[in-house]
Amino acid sequence: MKSLLVAVLMATFALAGCNTVQGVGKDVERGGERLQDAADRRK
C-alpha cells in the first residue's frame, strides 16, 4: 500500500511539473513574439 501511495505521489508531481514547464514555455514564447513585434515596428 505504501509503494502505491509513493507511485501516485510521484505521478502527481511529474504531471504538475509538466504543466509548469509548459506554462513557462508559453510565457517565453509570448515574450519572444512581443520582441519580434517591437523589432518589426522599428524597421
PDB file of N, CA and C in Angstrom:
ATOM      1  N   MET A   1       0.829  -1.198   0.000  1.00  0.00           N
ATOM      2  CA  MET A   1       0.000   0.000   0.000  1.00  0.00           C
ATOM      3  C   MET A   1       0.871   1.259   0.000  1.00  0.00           C
ATOM      4  N   LYS A   2       1.959   1.202   0.757  1.00  0.00           N
ATOM      5  CA  LYS A   2       2.841   2.357   0.837  1.00  0.00           C
ATOM      6  C   LYS A   2       3.499   2.646  -0.520  1.00  0.00           C
ATOM      7  N   SER A   3       3.880   1.592  -1.234  1.00  0.00           N
ATOM      8  CA  SER A   3       4.514   1.796  -2.539  1.00  0.00           C
ATOM      9  C   SER A   3       3.518   2.367  -3.554  1.00  0.00           C
ATOM     10  N   LEU A   4       2.250   1.998  -3.422  1.00  0.00           N
ATOM     11  CA  LEU A   4       1.224   2.555  -4.305  1.00  0.00           C
ATOM     12  C   LEU A   4       1.073   4.051  -4.052  1.00  0.00           C
ATOM     13  N   LEU A   5       1.076   4.441  -2.793  1.00  0.00           N
ATOM     14  CA  LEU A   5       0.974   5.853  -2.438  1.00  0.00           C
ATOM     15  C   LEU A   5       2.164   6.630  -2.999  1.00  0.00           C
ATOM     16  N   VAL A   6       3.343   6.072  -2.868  1.00  0.00           N
ATOM     17  CA  VAL A   6       4.545   6.722  -3.391  1.00  0.00           C
ATOM     18  C   VAL A   6       4.446   6.861  -4.913  1.00  0.00           C
ATOM     19  N   ALA A   7       3.984   5.822  -5.588  1.00  0.00           N
ATOM     20  CA  ALA A   7       3.848   5.865  -7.044  1.00  0.00           C
ATOM     21  C   ALA A   7       2.839   6.928  -7.471  1.00  0.00           C
ATOM     22  N   VAL A   8       1.732   7.019  -6.764  1.00  0.00           N
ATOM     23  CA  VAL A   8       0.708   8.023  -7.090  1.00  0.00           C
ATOM     24  C   VAL A   8       1.254   9.427  -6.863  1.00  0.00           C
ATOM     25  N   LEU A   9       1.965   9.626  -5.769  1.00  0.00           N
ATOM     26  CA  LEU A   9       2.543  10.945  -5.495  1.00  0.00           C
ATOM     27  C   LEU A   9       3.581  11.326  -6.551  1.00  0.00           C
ATOM     28  N   MET A  10       4.399  10.380  -6.952  1.00  0.00           N
ATOM     29  CA  MET A  10       5.406  10.664  -7.980  1.00  0.00           C
ATOM     30  C   MET A  10       4.743  11.023  -9.303  1.00  0.00           C
ATOM     31  N   ALA A  11       3.688  10.308  -9.659  1.00  0.00           N
ATOM     32  CA  ALA A  11       2.968  10.608 -10.895  1.00  0.00           C
ATOM     33  C   ALA A  11       2.335  11.995 -10.828  1.00  0.00           C
ATOM     34  N   THR A  12       1.786  12.341  -9.678  1.00  0.00           N
ATOM     35  CA  THR A  12       1.171  13.653  -9.498  1.00  0.00           C
ATOM     36  C   THR A  12       2.198  14.761  -9.665  1.00  0.00           C
ATOM     37  N   PHE A  13       3.354  14.602  -9.026  1.00  0.00           N
ATOM     38  CA  PHE A  13       4.403  15.615  -9.142  1.00  0.00           C
ATOM     39  C   PHE A  13       4.941  15.701 -10.567  1.00  0.00           C
ATOM     40  N   ALA A  14       5.042  14.583 -11.240  1.00  0.00           N
ATOM     41  CA  ALA A  14       5.530  14.585 -12.624  1.00  0.00           C
ATOM     42  C   ALA A  14       4.566  15.343 -13.525  1.00  0.00           C
ATOM     43  N   LEU A  15       3.274  15.100 -13.363  1.00  0.00           N
ATOM     44  CA  LEU A  15       2.279  15.798 -14.185  1.00  0.00           C
ATOM     45  C   LEU A  15       2.244  17.284 -13.865  1.00  0.00           C
ATOM     46  N   ALA A  16       2.349  17.623 -12.596  1.00  0.00           N
ATOM     47  CA  ALA A  16       2.364  19.033 -12.208  1.00  0.00           C
ATOM     48  C   ALA A  16       3.597  19.718 -12.779  1.00  0.00           C
ATOM     49  N   GLY A  17       4.722  19.031 -12.774  1.00  0.00           N
ATOM     50  CA  GLY A  17       5.950  19.591 -13.334  1.00  0.00           C
ATOM     51  C   GLY A  17       5.827  19.847 -14.820  1.00  0.00           C
ATOM     52  N   CYS A  18       5.173  18.941 -15.530  1.00  0.00           N
ATOM     53  CA  CYS A  18       4.984  19.122 -16.976  1.00  0.00           C
ATOM     54  C   CYS A  18       4.143  20.361 -17.249  1.00  0.00           C
ATOM     55  N   ASN A  19       3.098  20.557 -16.466  1.00  0.00           N
ATOM     56  CA  ASN A  19       2.255  21.737 -16.660  1.00  0.00           C
ATOM     57  C   ASN A  19       3.032  23.008 -16.373  1.00  0.00           C
ATOM     58  N   THR A  20       3.885  22.976 -15.356  1.00  0.00           N
ATOM     59  CA  THR A  20       4.674  24.152 -15.020  1.00  0.00           C
ATOM     60  C   THR A  20       5.638  24.482 -16.149  1.00  0.00           C
ATOM     61  N   VAL A  21       6.332  23.494 -16.660  1.00  0.00           N
ATOM     62  CA  VAL A  21       7.276  23.713 -17.754  1.00  0.00           C
ATOM     63  C   VAL A  21       6.541  24.199 -18.996  1.00  0.00           C
ATOM     64  N   GLN A  22       5.380  23.639 -19.257  1.00  0.00           N
ATOM     65  CA  GLN A  22       4.597  24.065 -20.416  1.00  0.00           C
ATOM     66  C   GLN A  22       4.187  25.528 -20.256  1.00  0.00           C
ATOM     67  N   GLY A  23       3.785  25.923 -19.060  1.00  0.00           N
ATOM     68  CA  GLY A  23       3.401  27.312 -18.814  1.00  0.00           C
ATOM     69  C   GLY A  23       4.561  28.269 -19.012  1.00  0.00           C
ATOM     70  N   VAL A  24       5.735  27.878 -18.537  1.00  0.00           N
ATOM     71  CA  VAL A  24       6.921  28.710 -18.726  1.00  0.00           C
ATOM     72  C   VAL A  24       7.238  28.828 -20.212  1.00  0.00           C
ATOM     73  N   GLY A  25       7.109  27.732 -20.934  1.00  0.00           N
ATOM     74  CA  GLY A  25       7.360  27.761 -22.375  1.00  0.00           C
ATOM     75  C   GLY A  25       6.430  28.716 -23.093  1.00  0.00           C
ATOM     76  N   LYS A  26       5.178  28.727 -22.698  1.00  0.00           N
ATOM     77  CA  LYS A  26       4.214  29.646 -23.319  1.00  0.00           C
ATOM     78  C   LYS A  26       4.567  31.093 -23.003  1.00  0.00           C
ATOM     79  N   ASP A  27       4.980  31.359 -21.751  1.00  0.00           N
ATOM     80  CA  ASP A  27       5.362  32.717 -21.375  1.00  0.00           C
ATOM     81  C   ASP A  27       6.570  33.187 -22.175  1.00  0.00           C
ATOM     82  N   VAL A  28       7.561  32.317 -22.324  1.00  0.00           N
ATOM     83  CA  VAL A  28       8.755  32.667 -23.090  1.00  0.00           C
ATOM     84  C   VAL A  28       8.388  32.907 -24.549  1.00  0.00           C
ATOM     85  N   GLU A  29       7.496  32.077 -25.073  1.00  0.00           N
ATOM     86  CA  GLU A  29       7.069  32.241 -26.465  1.00  0.00           C
ATOM     87  C   GLU A  29       6.366  33.582 -26.660  1.00  0.00           C
ATOM     88  N   ARG A  30       5.494  33.947 -25.744  1.00  0.00           N
ATOM     89  CA  ARG A  30       4.795  35.238 -25.845  1.00  0.00           C
ATOM     90  C   ARG A  30       5.780  36.396 -25.777  1.00  0.00           C
ATOM     91  N   GLY A  31       6.763  36.263 -24.877  1.00  0.00           N
ATOM     92  CA  GLY A  31       7.779  37.313 -24.771  1.00  0.00           C
ATOM     93  C   GLY A  31       8.556  37.467 -26.066  1.00  0.00           C
ATOM     94  N   GLY A  32       8.905  36.362 -26.686  1.00  0.00           N
ATOM     95  CA  GLY A  32       9.610  36.401 -27.966  1.00  0.00           C
ATOM     96  C   GLY A  32       8.771  37.031 -29.061  1.00  0.00           C
ATOM     97  N   GLU A  33       7.490  36.722 -29.064  1.00  0.00           N
ATOM     98  CA  GLU A  33       6.597  37.311 -30.065  1.00  0.00           C
ATOM     99  C   GLU A  33       6.506  38.821 -29.885  1.00  0.00           C
ATOM    100  N   ARG A  34       6.450  39.271 -28.650  1.00  0.00           N
ATOM    101  CA  ARG A  34       6.383  40.716 -28.396  1.00  0.00           C
ATOM    102  C   ARG A  34       7.669  41.410 -28.833  1.00  0.00           C
ATOM    103  N   LEU A  35       8.812  40.772 -28.560  1.00  0.00           N
ATOM    104  CA  LEU A  35      10.080  41.345 -29.016  1.00  0.00           C
ATOM    105  C   LEU A  35      10.130  41.421 -30.535  1.00  0.00           C
ATOM    106  N   GLN A  36       9.659  40.376 -31.184  1.00  0.00           N
ATOM    107  CA  GLN A  36       9.640  40.358 -32.649  1.00  0.00           C
ATOM    108  C   GLN A  36       8.726  41.456 -33.185  1.00  0.00           C
ATOM    109  N   ASP A  37       7.561  41.624 -32.570  1.00  0.00           N
ATOM    110  CA  ASP A  37       6.635  42.679 -32.994  1.00  0.00           C
ATOM    111  C   ASP A  37       7.269  44.056 -32.831  1.00  0.00           C
ATOM    112  N   ALA A  38       7.941  44.269 -31.704  1.00  0.00           N
ATOM    113  CA  ALA A  38       8.592  45.559 -31.465  1.00  0.00           C
ATOM    114  C   ALA A  38       9.693  45.804 -32.488  1.00  0.00           C
ATOM    115  N   ALA A  39      10.455  44.776 -32.806  1.00  0.00           N
ATOM    116  CA  ALA A  39      11.520  44.921 -33.806  1.00  0.00           C
ATOM    117  C   ALA A  39      10.935  45.209 -35.181  1.00  0.00           C
ATOM    118  N   ASP A  40       9.839  44.558 -35.517  1.00  0.00           N
ATOM    119  CA  ASP A  40       9.200  44.786 -36.817  1.00  0.00           C
ATOM    120  C   ASP A  40       8.678  46.218 -36.937  1.00  0.00           C
ATOM    121  N   ARG A  41       8.172  46.777 -35.856  1.00  0.00           N
ATOM    122  CA  ARG A  41       7.645  48.146 -35.896  1.00  0.00           C
ATOM    123  C   ARG A  41       8.756  49.176 -36.069  1.00  0.00           C
ATOM    124  N   ARG A  42       9.959  48.854 -35.631  1.00  0.00           N
ATOM    125  CA  ARG A  42      11.081  49.798 -35.721  1.00  0.00           C
ATOM    126  C   ARG A  42      11.741  49.804 -37.092  1.00  0.00           C
ATOM    127  N   LYS A  43      11.396  48.867 -37.948  1.00  0.00           N
ATOM    128  CA  LYS A  43      12.026  48.799 -39.280  1.00  0.00           C
ATOM    129  C   LYS A  43      11.566  49.933 -40.154  1.00  0.00           C
TER     130      LYS A  43
END
